């Protein structure tokens, strides 16, 4: 299940992504952090190679490194439109082992942003379909000035939850 971490400072969003990773069946994999403001080209190239399925992914590729782990993309609304469309394709992929024409990735996507996805969609900064796909579980950290230390977790009631290990 994908996670959207809204609000807070960059370090707080990264800590939430790491917490979800460590408490999940994907904890045996790596957490790879990308900042969409500077890593758009890296992510786009990796997504294009993954979609092409040509086997050109390498160990330093963010998708390979986060396979069976967590890919954390902070400032997600800063991704260019073409990269957002490619990320949507990845986010919509069925779980590994399901029928499909693309190679299985098998990781979790956690995205972060100072604003919630609805605000980014309203501003035209985030594709509505991508915002909806990534916003299955939202953690609202509040504004960086808010120091209550409380997390508000909004679970998507449409999703069925079950924990099983994917490490084996």
N, C-alpha and C. Protein backbone atom coordinates (compact mmCIF):
# COMPACT_ATOMS: atom_id res chain seq x y z
N UNK A 1 0.85 -1.17 0.00
CA UNK A 1 0.00 0.00 0.00
C UNK A 1 0.90 1.24 0.00
N UNK A 2 0.56 2.18 -0.85
CA UNK A 2 1.33 3.41 -0.96
C UNK A 2 0.94 4.38 0.15
N UNK A 3 1.86 5.27 0.50
CA UNK A 3 1.67 6.19 1.62
C UNK A 3 1.98 7.60 1.15
N UNK A 4 1.15 8.56 1.55
CA UNK A 4 1.39 9.98 1.28
C UNK A 4 1.62 10.66 2.62
N UNK A 5 2.81 11.24 2.80
CA UNK A 5 3.14 11.95 4.03
C UNK A 5 3.05 13.44 3.72
N UNK A 6 2.09 14.11 4.35
CA UNK A 6 1.84 15.52 4.06
C UNK A 6 2.23 16.39 5.25
N UNK A 7 2.86 17.53 4.95
CA UNK A 7 3.22 18.49 5.98
C UNK A 7 4.56 18.17 6.61
N UNK A 8 4.84 18.87 7.67
CA UNK A 8 6.08 18.64 8.40
C UNK A 8 7.31 19.06 7.63
N UNK A 9 8.43 18.86 8.24
CA UNK A 9 9.72 19.15 7.60
C UNK A 9 10.21 17.91 6.87
N UNK A 10 11.20 18.10 5.99
CA UNK A 10 11.74 16.99 5.20
C UNK A 10 12.19 15.83 6.09
N UNK A 11 12.91 16.13 7.15
CA UNK A 11 13.40 15.07 8.04
C UNK A 11 12.28 14.29 8.69
N UNK A 12 11.20 14.98 9.05
CA UNK A 12 10.05 14.29 9.66
C UNK A 12 9.37 13.38 8.64
N UNK A 13 9.24 13.86 7.41
CA UNK A 13 8.62 13.01 6.37
C UNK A 13 9.48 11.78 6.11
N UNK A 14 10.79 11.98 6.07
CA UNK A 14 11.69 10.85 5.85
C UNK A 14 11.61 9.87 7.02
N UNK A 15 11.49 10.36 8.23
CA UNK A 15 11.38 9.48 9.40
C UNK A 15 10.09 8.65 9.34
N UNK A 16 9.01 9.25 8.89
CA UNK A 16 7.75 8.51 8.75
C UNK A 16 7.91 7.42 7.70
N UNK A 17 8.51 7.75 6.57
CA UNK A 17 8.74 6.74 5.52
C UNK A 17 9.57 5.59 6.07
N UNK A 18 10.63 5.92 6.82
CA UNK A 18 11.47 4.88 7.41
C UNK A 18 10.70 4.05 8.43
N UNK A 19 9.83 4.69 9.19
CA UNK A 19 9.02 3.96 10.17
C UNK A 19 8.07 2.97 9.52
N UNK A 20 7.41 3.40 8.45
CA UNK A 20 6.53 2.47 7.72
C UNK A 20 7.34 1.32 7.15
N UNK A 21 8.50 1.62 6.64
CA UNK A 21 9.36 0.58 6.06
C UNK A 21 9.75 -0.44 7.13
N UNK A 22 10.26 0.03 8.25
CA UNK A 22 10.74 -0.87 9.30
C UNK A 22 9.63 -1.72 9.91
N UNK A 23 8.41 -1.21 9.93
CA UNK A 23 7.29 -1.94 10.53
C UNK A 23 6.55 -2.81 9.52
N UNK A 24 7.09 -2.95 8.32
CA UNK A 24 6.35 -3.65 7.28
C UNK A 24 7.04 -4.95 6.88
N UNK A 25 6.34 -5.77 6.12
CA UNK A 25 6.94 -6.99 5.60
C UNK A 25 8.07 -6.70 4.60
N UNK A 26 8.22 -5.46 4.18
CA UNK A 26 9.27 -5.09 3.23
C UNK A 26 10.54 -4.61 3.93
N UNK A 27 10.61 -4.76 5.24
CA UNK A 27 11.75 -4.26 6.01
C UNK A 27 13.07 -4.91 5.62
N UNK A 28 13.03 -6.05 4.96
CA UNK A 28 14.27 -6.71 4.54
C UNK A 28 14.91 -6.01 3.35
N UNK A 29 14.15 -5.17 2.66
CA UNK A 29 14.67 -4.43 1.52
C UNK A 29 15.22 -3.07 1.94
N UNK A 30 15.66 -2.32 0.98
CA UNK A 30 16.25 -1.01 1.25
C UNK A 30 15.22 0.10 1.16
N UNK A 31 15.53 1.22 1.82
CA UNK A 31 14.79 2.45 1.63
C UNK A 31 15.65 3.34 0.74
N UNK A 32 15.09 3.80 -0.37
CA UNK A 32 15.79 4.69 -1.27
C UNK A 32 15.05 6.02 -1.26
N UNK A 33 15.78 7.10 -0.96
CA UNK A 33 15.18 8.43 -0.88
C UNK A 33 15.57 9.24 -2.09
N UNK A 34 14.55 9.82 -2.74
CA UNK A 34 14.76 10.73 -3.85
C UNK A 34 14.10 12.07 -3.51
N UNK A 35 14.69 13.14 -3.94
CA UNK A 35 14.10 14.47 -3.82
C UNK A 35 13.67 14.86 -5.22
N UNK A 36 12.38 14.98 -5.43
CA UNK A 36 11.85 15.23 -6.77
C UNK A 36 12.36 16.54 -7.37
N UNK A 37 12.78 17.48 -6.53
CA UNK A 37 13.27 18.76 -7.05
C UNK A 37 14.59 18.59 -7.78
N UNK A 38 15.36 17.57 -7.44
CA UNK A 38 16.66 17.40 -8.10
C UNK A 38 16.83 16.03 -8.77
N UNK A 39 15.97 15.05 -8.44
CA UNK A 39 16.15 13.69 -8.93
C UNK A 39 15.14 13.27 -9.99
N UNK A 40 14.44 14.23 -10.59
CA UNK A 40 13.42 13.92 -11.59
C UNK A 40 14.01 13.10 -12.74
N UNK A 41 15.13 13.54 -13.28
CA UNK A 41 15.72 12.86 -14.45
C UNK A 41 16.15 11.43 -14.10
N UNK A 42 16.69 11.24 -12.90
CA UNK A 42 17.12 9.90 -12.46
C UNK A 42 15.91 8.98 -12.36
N UNK A 43 14.84 9.46 -11.73
CA UNK A 43 13.64 8.65 -11.58
C UNK A 43 12.99 8.38 -12.94
N UNK A 44 12.90 9.39 -13.78
CA UNK A 44 12.28 9.20 -15.10
C UNK A 44 13.04 8.16 -15.91
N UNK A 45 14.36 8.23 -15.93
CA UNK A 45 15.16 7.26 -16.68
C UNK A 45 14.95 5.85 -16.14
N UNK A 46 14.91 5.71 -14.82
CA UNK A 46 14.69 4.39 -14.22
C UNK A 46 13.31 3.85 -14.57
N UNK A 47 12.30 4.70 -14.50
CA UNK A 47 10.94 4.27 -14.84
C UNK A 47 10.84 3.89 -16.31
N UNK A 48 11.48 4.64 -17.18
CA UNK A 48 11.46 4.30 -18.61
C UNK A 48 12.11 2.95 -18.86
N UNK A 49 13.25 2.68 -18.20
CA UNK A 49 13.92 1.38 -18.38
C UNK A 49 13.06 0.26 -17.81
N UNK A 50 12.42 0.49 -16.66
CA UNK A 50 11.57 -0.54 -16.06
C UNK A 50 10.38 -0.85 -16.98
N UNK A 51 9.75 0.18 -17.52
CA UNK A 51 8.60 -0.03 -18.40
C UNK A 51 9.02 -0.75 -19.67
N UNK A 52 10.19 -0.39 -20.20
CA UNK A 52 10.68 -1.04 -21.41
C UNK A 52 11.00 -2.51 -21.16
N UNK A 53 11.33 -2.83 -19.91
CA UNK A 53 11.63 -4.22 -19.56
C UNK A 53 12.81 -4.78 -20.30
N UNK A 54 13.77 -3.91 -20.63
CA UNK A 54 14.91 -4.37 -21.42
C UNK A 54 16.07 -4.90 -20.59
N UNK A 55 15.87 -4.99 -19.28
CA UNK A 55 16.92 -5.55 -18.43
C UNK A 55 18.07 -4.61 -18.17
N UNK A 56 17.91 -3.33 -18.49
CA UNK A 56 19.02 -2.40 -18.32
C UNK A 56 19.07 -1.75 -16.94
N UNK A 57 18.19 -2.16 -16.03
CA UNK A 57 18.26 -1.63 -14.67
C UNK A 57 19.53 -2.14 -14.01
N UNK A 58 20.15 -1.29 -13.22
CA UNK A 58 21.39 -1.65 -12.54
C UNK A 58 21.19 -1.57 -11.04
N UNK A 59 22.17 -2.03 -10.29
CA UNK A 59 22.08 -2.02 -8.83
C UNK A 59 21.98 -0.61 -8.27
N UNK A 60 22.49 0.38 -8.98
CA UNK A 60 22.42 1.75 -8.48
C UNK A 60 21.14 2.46 -8.93
N UNK A 61 20.35 1.80 -9.72
CA UNK A 61 19.07 2.33 -10.16
C UNK A 61 18.13 2.41 -8.97
N UNK A 62 17.38 3.51 -8.78
CA UNK A 62 16.52 3.60 -7.60
C UNK A 62 15.43 2.53 -7.55
N UNK A 63 14.95 2.07 -8.69
CA UNK A 63 13.92 1.02 -8.66
C UNK A 63 14.51 -0.32 -8.26
N UNK A 64 15.69 -0.63 -8.76
CA UNK A 64 16.35 -1.88 -8.37
C UNK A 64 16.71 -1.84 -6.90
N UNK A 65 17.28 -0.72 -6.47
CA UNK A 65 17.71 -0.61 -5.07
C UNK A 65 16.55 -0.68 -4.10
N UNK A 66 15.36 -0.23 -4.52
CA UNK A 66 14.21 -0.23 -3.61
C UNK A 66 13.25 -1.40 -3.86
N UNK A 67 13.57 -2.27 -4.79
CA UNK A 67 12.72 -3.43 -5.04
C UNK A 67 12.63 -4.27 -3.77
N UNK A 68 11.42 -4.66 -3.42
CA UNK A 68 11.16 -5.40 -2.19
C UNK A 68 11.54 -4.57 -0.97
N UNK A 69 11.47 -3.25 -1.15
CA UNK A 69 11.76 -2.28 -0.10
C UNK A 69 10.85 -1.07 -0.29
N UNK A 70 11.39 0.10 0.00
CA UNK A 70 10.59 1.32 -0.05
C UNK A 70 11.28 2.38 -0.90
N UNK A 71 10.54 2.96 -1.81
CA UNK A 71 10.99 4.10 -2.60
C UNK A 71 10.31 5.33 -2.02
N UNK A 72 11.09 6.23 -1.39
CA UNK A 72 10.55 7.45 -0.81
C UNK A 72 10.90 8.63 -1.71
N UNK A 73 9.87 9.30 -2.21
CA UNK A 73 10.04 10.45 -3.09
C UNK A 73 9.48 11.67 -2.39
N UNK A 74 10.37 12.55 -1.92
CA UNK A 74 9.92 13.76 -1.26
C UNK A 74 9.70 14.86 -2.29
N UNK A 75 8.82 15.78 -1.97
CA UNK A 75 8.44 16.89 -2.87
C UNK A 75 7.88 16.34 -4.17
N UNK A 76 7.02 15.33 -4.06
CA UNK A 76 6.51 14.60 -5.22
C UNK A 76 5.86 15.51 -6.27
N UNK A 77 5.23 16.60 -5.85
CA UNK A 77 4.57 17.48 -6.81
C UNK A 77 5.57 18.25 -7.67
N UNK A 78 6.84 18.18 -7.34
CA UNK A 78 7.88 18.83 -8.17
C UNK A 78 8.29 17.97 -9.36
N UNK A 79 7.81 16.73 -9.42
CA UNK A 79 8.12 15.89 -10.58
C UNK A 79 7.46 16.48 -11.82
N UNK A 80 8.16 16.42 -12.94
CA UNK A 80 7.60 16.87 -14.21
C UNK A 80 6.43 15.96 -14.60
N UNK A 81 5.54 16.49 -15.44
CA UNK A 81 4.38 15.72 -15.88
C UNK A 81 4.71 14.36 -16.45
N UNK A 82 5.70 14.26 -17.36
CA UNK A 82 6.02 12.94 -17.90
C UNK A 82 6.48 11.95 -16.83
N UNK A 83 7.22 12.43 -15.85
CA UNK A 83 7.68 11.54 -14.76
C UNK A 83 6.50 11.12 -13.90
N UNK A 84 5.57 12.04 -13.64
CA UNK A 84 4.38 11.69 -12.87
C UNK A 84 3.57 10.61 -13.59
N UNK A 85 3.45 10.71 -14.91
CA UNK A 85 2.69 9.69 -15.66
C UNK A 85 3.37 8.33 -15.57
N UNK A 86 4.70 8.30 -15.64
CA UNK A 86 5.43 7.04 -15.51
C UNK A 86 5.32 6.48 -14.10
N UNK A 87 5.38 7.35 -13.10
CA UNK A 87 5.23 6.90 -11.71
C UNK A 87 3.84 6.32 -11.48
N UNK A 88 2.84 6.89 -12.12
CA UNK A 88 1.48 6.35 -12.02
C UNK A 88 1.43 4.92 -12.54
N UNK A 89 2.11 4.65 -13.63
CA UNK A 89 2.14 3.29 -14.18
C UNK A 89 2.75 2.33 -13.15
N UNK A 90 3.84 2.74 -12.52
CA UNK A 90 4.46 1.89 -11.49
C UNK A 90 3.52 1.70 -10.31
N UNK A 91 2.91 2.79 -9.86
CA UNK A 91 2.04 2.73 -8.68
C UNK A 91 0.80 1.87 -8.91
N UNK A 92 0.36 1.75 -10.13
CA UNK A 92 -0.84 0.97 -10.44
C UNK A 92 -0.56 -0.51 -10.69
N UNK A 93 0.70 -0.89 -10.66
CA UNK A 93 1.05 -2.28 -10.95
C UNK A 93 0.52 -3.21 -9.87
N UNK A 94 0.02 -4.37 -10.27
CA UNK A 94 -0.42 -5.35 -9.28
C UNK A 94 0.78 -5.89 -8.51
N UNK A 95 0.49 -6.54 -7.42
CA UNK A 95 1.53 -7.13 -6.58
C UNK A 95 2.34 -8.15 -7.37
N UNK A 96 3.59 -8.39 -6.97
CA UNK A 96 4.40 -9.42 -7.64
C UNK A 96 3.68 -10.75 -7.63
N UNK A 97 3.82 -11.47 -8.71
CA UNK A 97 3.16 -12.76 -8.84
C UNK A 97 1.83 -12.68 -9.56
N UNK A 98 1.30 -11.45 -9.72
CA UNK A 98 0.05 -11.26 -10.44
C UNK A 98 0.34 -11.25 -11.93
N UNK A 99 -0.68 -11.53 -12.70
CA UNK A 99 -0.52 -11.52 -14.15
C UNK A 99 -0.32 -10.09 -14.61
N UNK A 100 0.56 -9.89 -15.54
CA UNK A 100 0.80 -8.55 -16.08
C UNK A 100 1.91 -8.61 -17.10
N UNK A 101 1.97 -7.59 -17.93
CA UNK A 101 2.96 -7.61 -18.99
C UNK A 101 4.28 -6.95 -18.59
N UNK A 102 4.29 -6.18 -17.52
CA UNK A 102 5.51 -5.50 -17.09
C UNK A 102 6.20 -6.30 -16.02
N UNK A 103 7.52 -6.12 -15.89
CA UNK A 103 8.23 -6.83 -14.84
C UNK A 103 7.74 -6.37 -13.46
N UNK A 104 7.65 -7.31 -12.55
CA UNK A 104 7.21 -6.98 -11.20
C UNK A 104 8.27 -6.15 -10.50
N UNK A 105 7.83 -5.16 -9.73
CA UNK A 105 8.76 -4.34 -8.96
C UNK A 105 8.74 -4.78 -7.51
N UNK A 106 7.60 -4.84 -6.89
CA UNK A 106 7.48 -5.41 -5.55
C UNK A 106 7.89 -4.54 -4.39
N UNK A 107 7.90 -3.23 -4.59
CA UNK A 107 8.23 -2.33 -3.49
C UNK A 107 7.04 -1.48 -3.09
N UNK A 108 7.27 -0.63 -2.11
CA UNK A 108 6.25 0.32 -1.66
C UNK A 108 6.70 1.71 -2.04
N UNK A 109 5.76 2.53 -2.46
CA UNK A 109 6.04 3.93 -2.75
C UNK A 109 5.52 4.76 -1.60
N UNK A 110 6.39 5.57 -1.02
CA UNK A 110 6.01 6.56 -0.03
C UNK A 110 6.40 7.90 -0.62
N UNK A 111 5.47 8.82 -0.66
CA UNK A 111 5.77 10.15 -1.17
C UNK A 111 5.54 11.17 -0.06
N UNK A 112 6.26 12.27 -0.16
CA UNK A 112 6.12 13.33 0.82
C UNK A 112 5.97 14.67 0.15
N UNK A 113 5.36 15.58 0.88
CA UNK A 113 5.16 16.93 0.38
C UNK A 113 4.75 17.83 1.53
N UNK A 114 5.13 19.11 1.45
CA UNK A 114 4.65 20.04 2.47
C UNK A 114 3.13 20.21 2.46
N UNK A 115 2.49 19.96 1.30
CA UNK A 115 1.04 20.09 1.17
C UNK A 115 0.40 18.72 0.96
N UNK A 116 -0.91 18.65 1.20
CA UNK A 116 -1.60 17.39 0.94
C UNK A 116 -1.87 17.25 -0.56
N UNK A 117 -2.17 16.04 -1.02
CA UNK A 117 -2.34 15.81 -2.46
C UNK A 117 -3.49 16.60 -3.07
N UNK A 118 -4.55 16.84 -2.31
CA UNK A 118 -5.71 17.58 -2.84
C UNK A 118 -5.28 18.99 -3.21
N UNK A 119 -4.47 19.62 -2.38
CA UNK A 119 -3.99 20.98 -2.66
C UNK A 119 -3.12 20.99 -3.92
N UNK A 120 -2.25 20.00 -4.05
CA UNK A 120 -1.39 19.94 -5.25
C UNK A 120 -2.21 19.71 -6.52
N UNK A 121 -3.22 18.86 -6.43
CA UNK A 121 -4.08 18.62 -7.60
C UNK A 121 -4.82 19.90 -7.96
N UNK A 122 -5.36 20.60 -6.96
CA UNK A 122 -6.09 21.84 -7.21
C UNK A 122 -5.20 22.90 -7.86
N UNK A 123 -3.93 22.91 -7.53
CA UNK A 123 -2.99 23.87 -8.11
C UNK A 123 -2.45 23.43 -9.47
N UNK A 124 -2.79 22.22 -9.89
CA UNK A 124 -2.30 21.70 -11.16
C UNK A 124 -0.87 21.19 -11.09
N UNK A 125 -0.37 20.92 -9.90
CA UNK A 125 1.00 20.47 -9.70
C UNK A 125 1.14 18.95 -9.66
N UNK A 126 0.02 18.26 -9.46
CA UNK A 126 0.04 16.81 -9.32
C UNK A 126 -1.12 16.23 -10.13
N UNK A 127 -0.83 15.22 -10.93
CA UNK A 127 -1.90 14.55 -11.67
C UNK A 127 -2.93 14.00 -10.69
N UNK A 128 -4.19 14.23 -10.96
CA UNK A 128 -5.24 13.76 -10.06
C UNK A 128 -5.19 12.25 -9.87
N UNK A 129 -4.95 11.51 -10.95
CA UNK A 129 -4.90 10.05 -10.87
C UNK A 129 -3.73 9.59 -10.00
N UNK A 130 -2.59 10.27 -10.12
CA UNK A 130 -1.43 9.91 -9.31
C UNK A 130 -1.69 10.25 -7.85
N UNK A 131 -2.25 11.41 -7.60
CA UNK A 131 -2.58 11.77 -6.22
C UNK A 131 -3.50 10.75 -5.58
N UNK A 132 -4.52 10.33 -6.31
CA UNK A 132 -5.46 9.34 -5.79
C UNK A 132 -4.78 7.99 -5.55
N UNK A 133 -3.95 7.59 -6.48
CA UNK A 133 -3.28 6.29 -6.38
C UNK A 133 -2.30 6.24 -5.21
N UNK A 134 -1.60 7.34 -4.97
CA UNK A 134 -0.60 7.37 -3.90
C UNK A 134 -1.19 7.69 -2.54
N UNK A 135 -2.40 8.17 -2.51
CA UNK A 135 -3.03 8.62 -1.26
C UNK A 135 -3.92 7.54 -0.65
N UNK A 136 -3.42 6.33 -0.56
CA UNK A 136 -4.19 5.23 0.03
C UNK A 136 -4.08 5.24 1.55
N UNK A 137 -2.96 5.72 2.04
CA UNK A 137 -2.77 5.90 3.47
C UNK A 137 -2.05 7.23 3.61
N UNK A 138 -2.67 8.16 4.31
CA UNK A 138 -2.08 9.50 4.45
C UNK A 138 -1.69 9.76 5.89
N UNK A 139 -0.50 10.30 6.06
CA UNK A 139 -0.03 10.75 7.36
C UNK A 139 0.10 12.26 7.28
N UNK A 140 -0.68 12.97 8.08
CA UNK A 140 -0.64 14.43 8.11
C UNK A 140 0.22 14.86 9.29
N UNK A 141 1.34 15.50 8.98
CA UNK A 141 2.25 15.97 10.02
C UNK A 141 1.98 17.41 10.42
N UNK A 142 1.12 18.10 9.71
CA UNK A 142 0.85 19.51 10.00
C UNK A 142 1.91 20.39 9.37
N UNK A 143 1.79 21.68 9.59
CA UNK A 143 2.76 22.61 9.01
C UNK A 143 4.06 22.52 9.78
N UNK A 144 5.17 22.91 9.16
CA UNK A 144 6.46 22.87 9.86
C UNK A 144 6.47 23.70 11.14
N UNK A 145 5.62 24.72 11.21
CA UNK A 145 5.56 25.54 12.43
C UNK A 145 4.79 24.85 13.55
N UNK A 146 3.95 23.90 13.19
CA UNK A 146 3.17 23.17 14.19
C UNK A 146 4.07 22.14 14.85
N UNK A 147 4.23 22.19 16.16
CA UNK A 147 5.16 21.31 16.84
C UNK A 147 4.46 20.42 17.85
N UNK A 148 3.28 19.99 17.51
CA UNK A 148 2.53 19.15 18.44
C UNK A 148 3.11 17.75 18.53
N UNK A 149 3.84 17.34 17.50
CA UNK A 149 4.41 15.99 17.52
C UNK A 149 3.39 14.91 17.25
N UNK A 150 2.19 15.27 16.85
CA UNK A 150 1.15 14.27 16.63
C UNK A 150 1.03 13.96 15.15
N UNK A 151 0.83 12.71 14.87
CA UNK A 151 0.57 12.27 13.51
C UNK A 151 -0.89 11.92 13.41
N UNK A 152 -1.49 12.28 12.32
CA UNK A 152 -2.87 11.90 12.06
C UNK A 152 -2.85 10.97 10.86
N UNK A 153 -3.26 9.76 11.05
CA UNK A 153 -3.23 8.77 9.98
C UNK A 153 -4.64 8.57 9.46
N UNK A 154 -4.78 8.79 8.17
CA UNK A 154 -6.06 8.59 7.51
C UNK A 154 -5.96 7.36 6.64
N UNK A 155 -6.67 6.33 6.99
CA UNK A 155 -6.63 5.07 6.27
C UNK A 155 -7.74 5.07 5.23
N UNK A 156 -7.45 4.56 4.06
CA UNK A 156 -8.44 4.45 3.01
C UNK A 156 -9.30 3.22 3.30
N UNK A 157 -10.57 3.41 3.63
CA UNK A 157 -11.43 2.27 4.00
C UNK A 157 -11.68 1.31 2.85
N UNK A 158 -11.34 1.70 1.62
CA UNK A 158 -11.55 0.81 0.47
C UNK A 158 -10.52 -0.30 0.42
N UNK A 159 -9.43 -0.15 1.16
CA UNK A 159 -8.33 -1.12 1.09
C UNK A 159 -8.49 -2.19 2.17
N UNK A 160 -8.21 -3.39 1.81
CA UNK A 160 -8.16 -4.49 2.76
C UNK A 160 -6.72 -4.60 3.25
N UNK A 161 -6.53 -4.78 4.55
CA UNK A 161 -5.19 -4.83 5.10
C UNK A 161 -4.88 -6.24 5.60
N UNK A 162 -3.69 -6.66 5.37
CA UNK A 162 -3.22 -7.93 5.87
C UNK A 162 -1.70 -7.90 5.84
N UNK A 163 -1.07 -8.32 6.90
CA UNK A 163 0.39 -8.27 6.95
C UNK A 163 0.94 -9.67 6.69
N UNK A 164 1.83 -9.71 5.73
CA UNK A 164 2.53 -10.96 5.45
C UNK A 164 3.92 -10.59 5.01
N UNK A 165 4.84 -11.46 5.25
CA UNK A 165 6.22 -11.17 4.91
C UNK A 165 6.47 -11.37 3.42
N UNK A 166 7.16 -10.40 2.84
CA UNK A 166 7.54 -10.49 1.43
C UNK A 166 9.03 -10.71 1.28
N UNK A 167 9.70 -10.97 2.39
CA UNK A 167 11.16 -11.08 2.38
C UNK A 167 11.65 -12.44 1.93
N UNK A 168 10.85 -13.45 2.08
CA UNK A 168 11.30 -14.81 1.86
C UNK A 168 11.45 -15.24 0.49
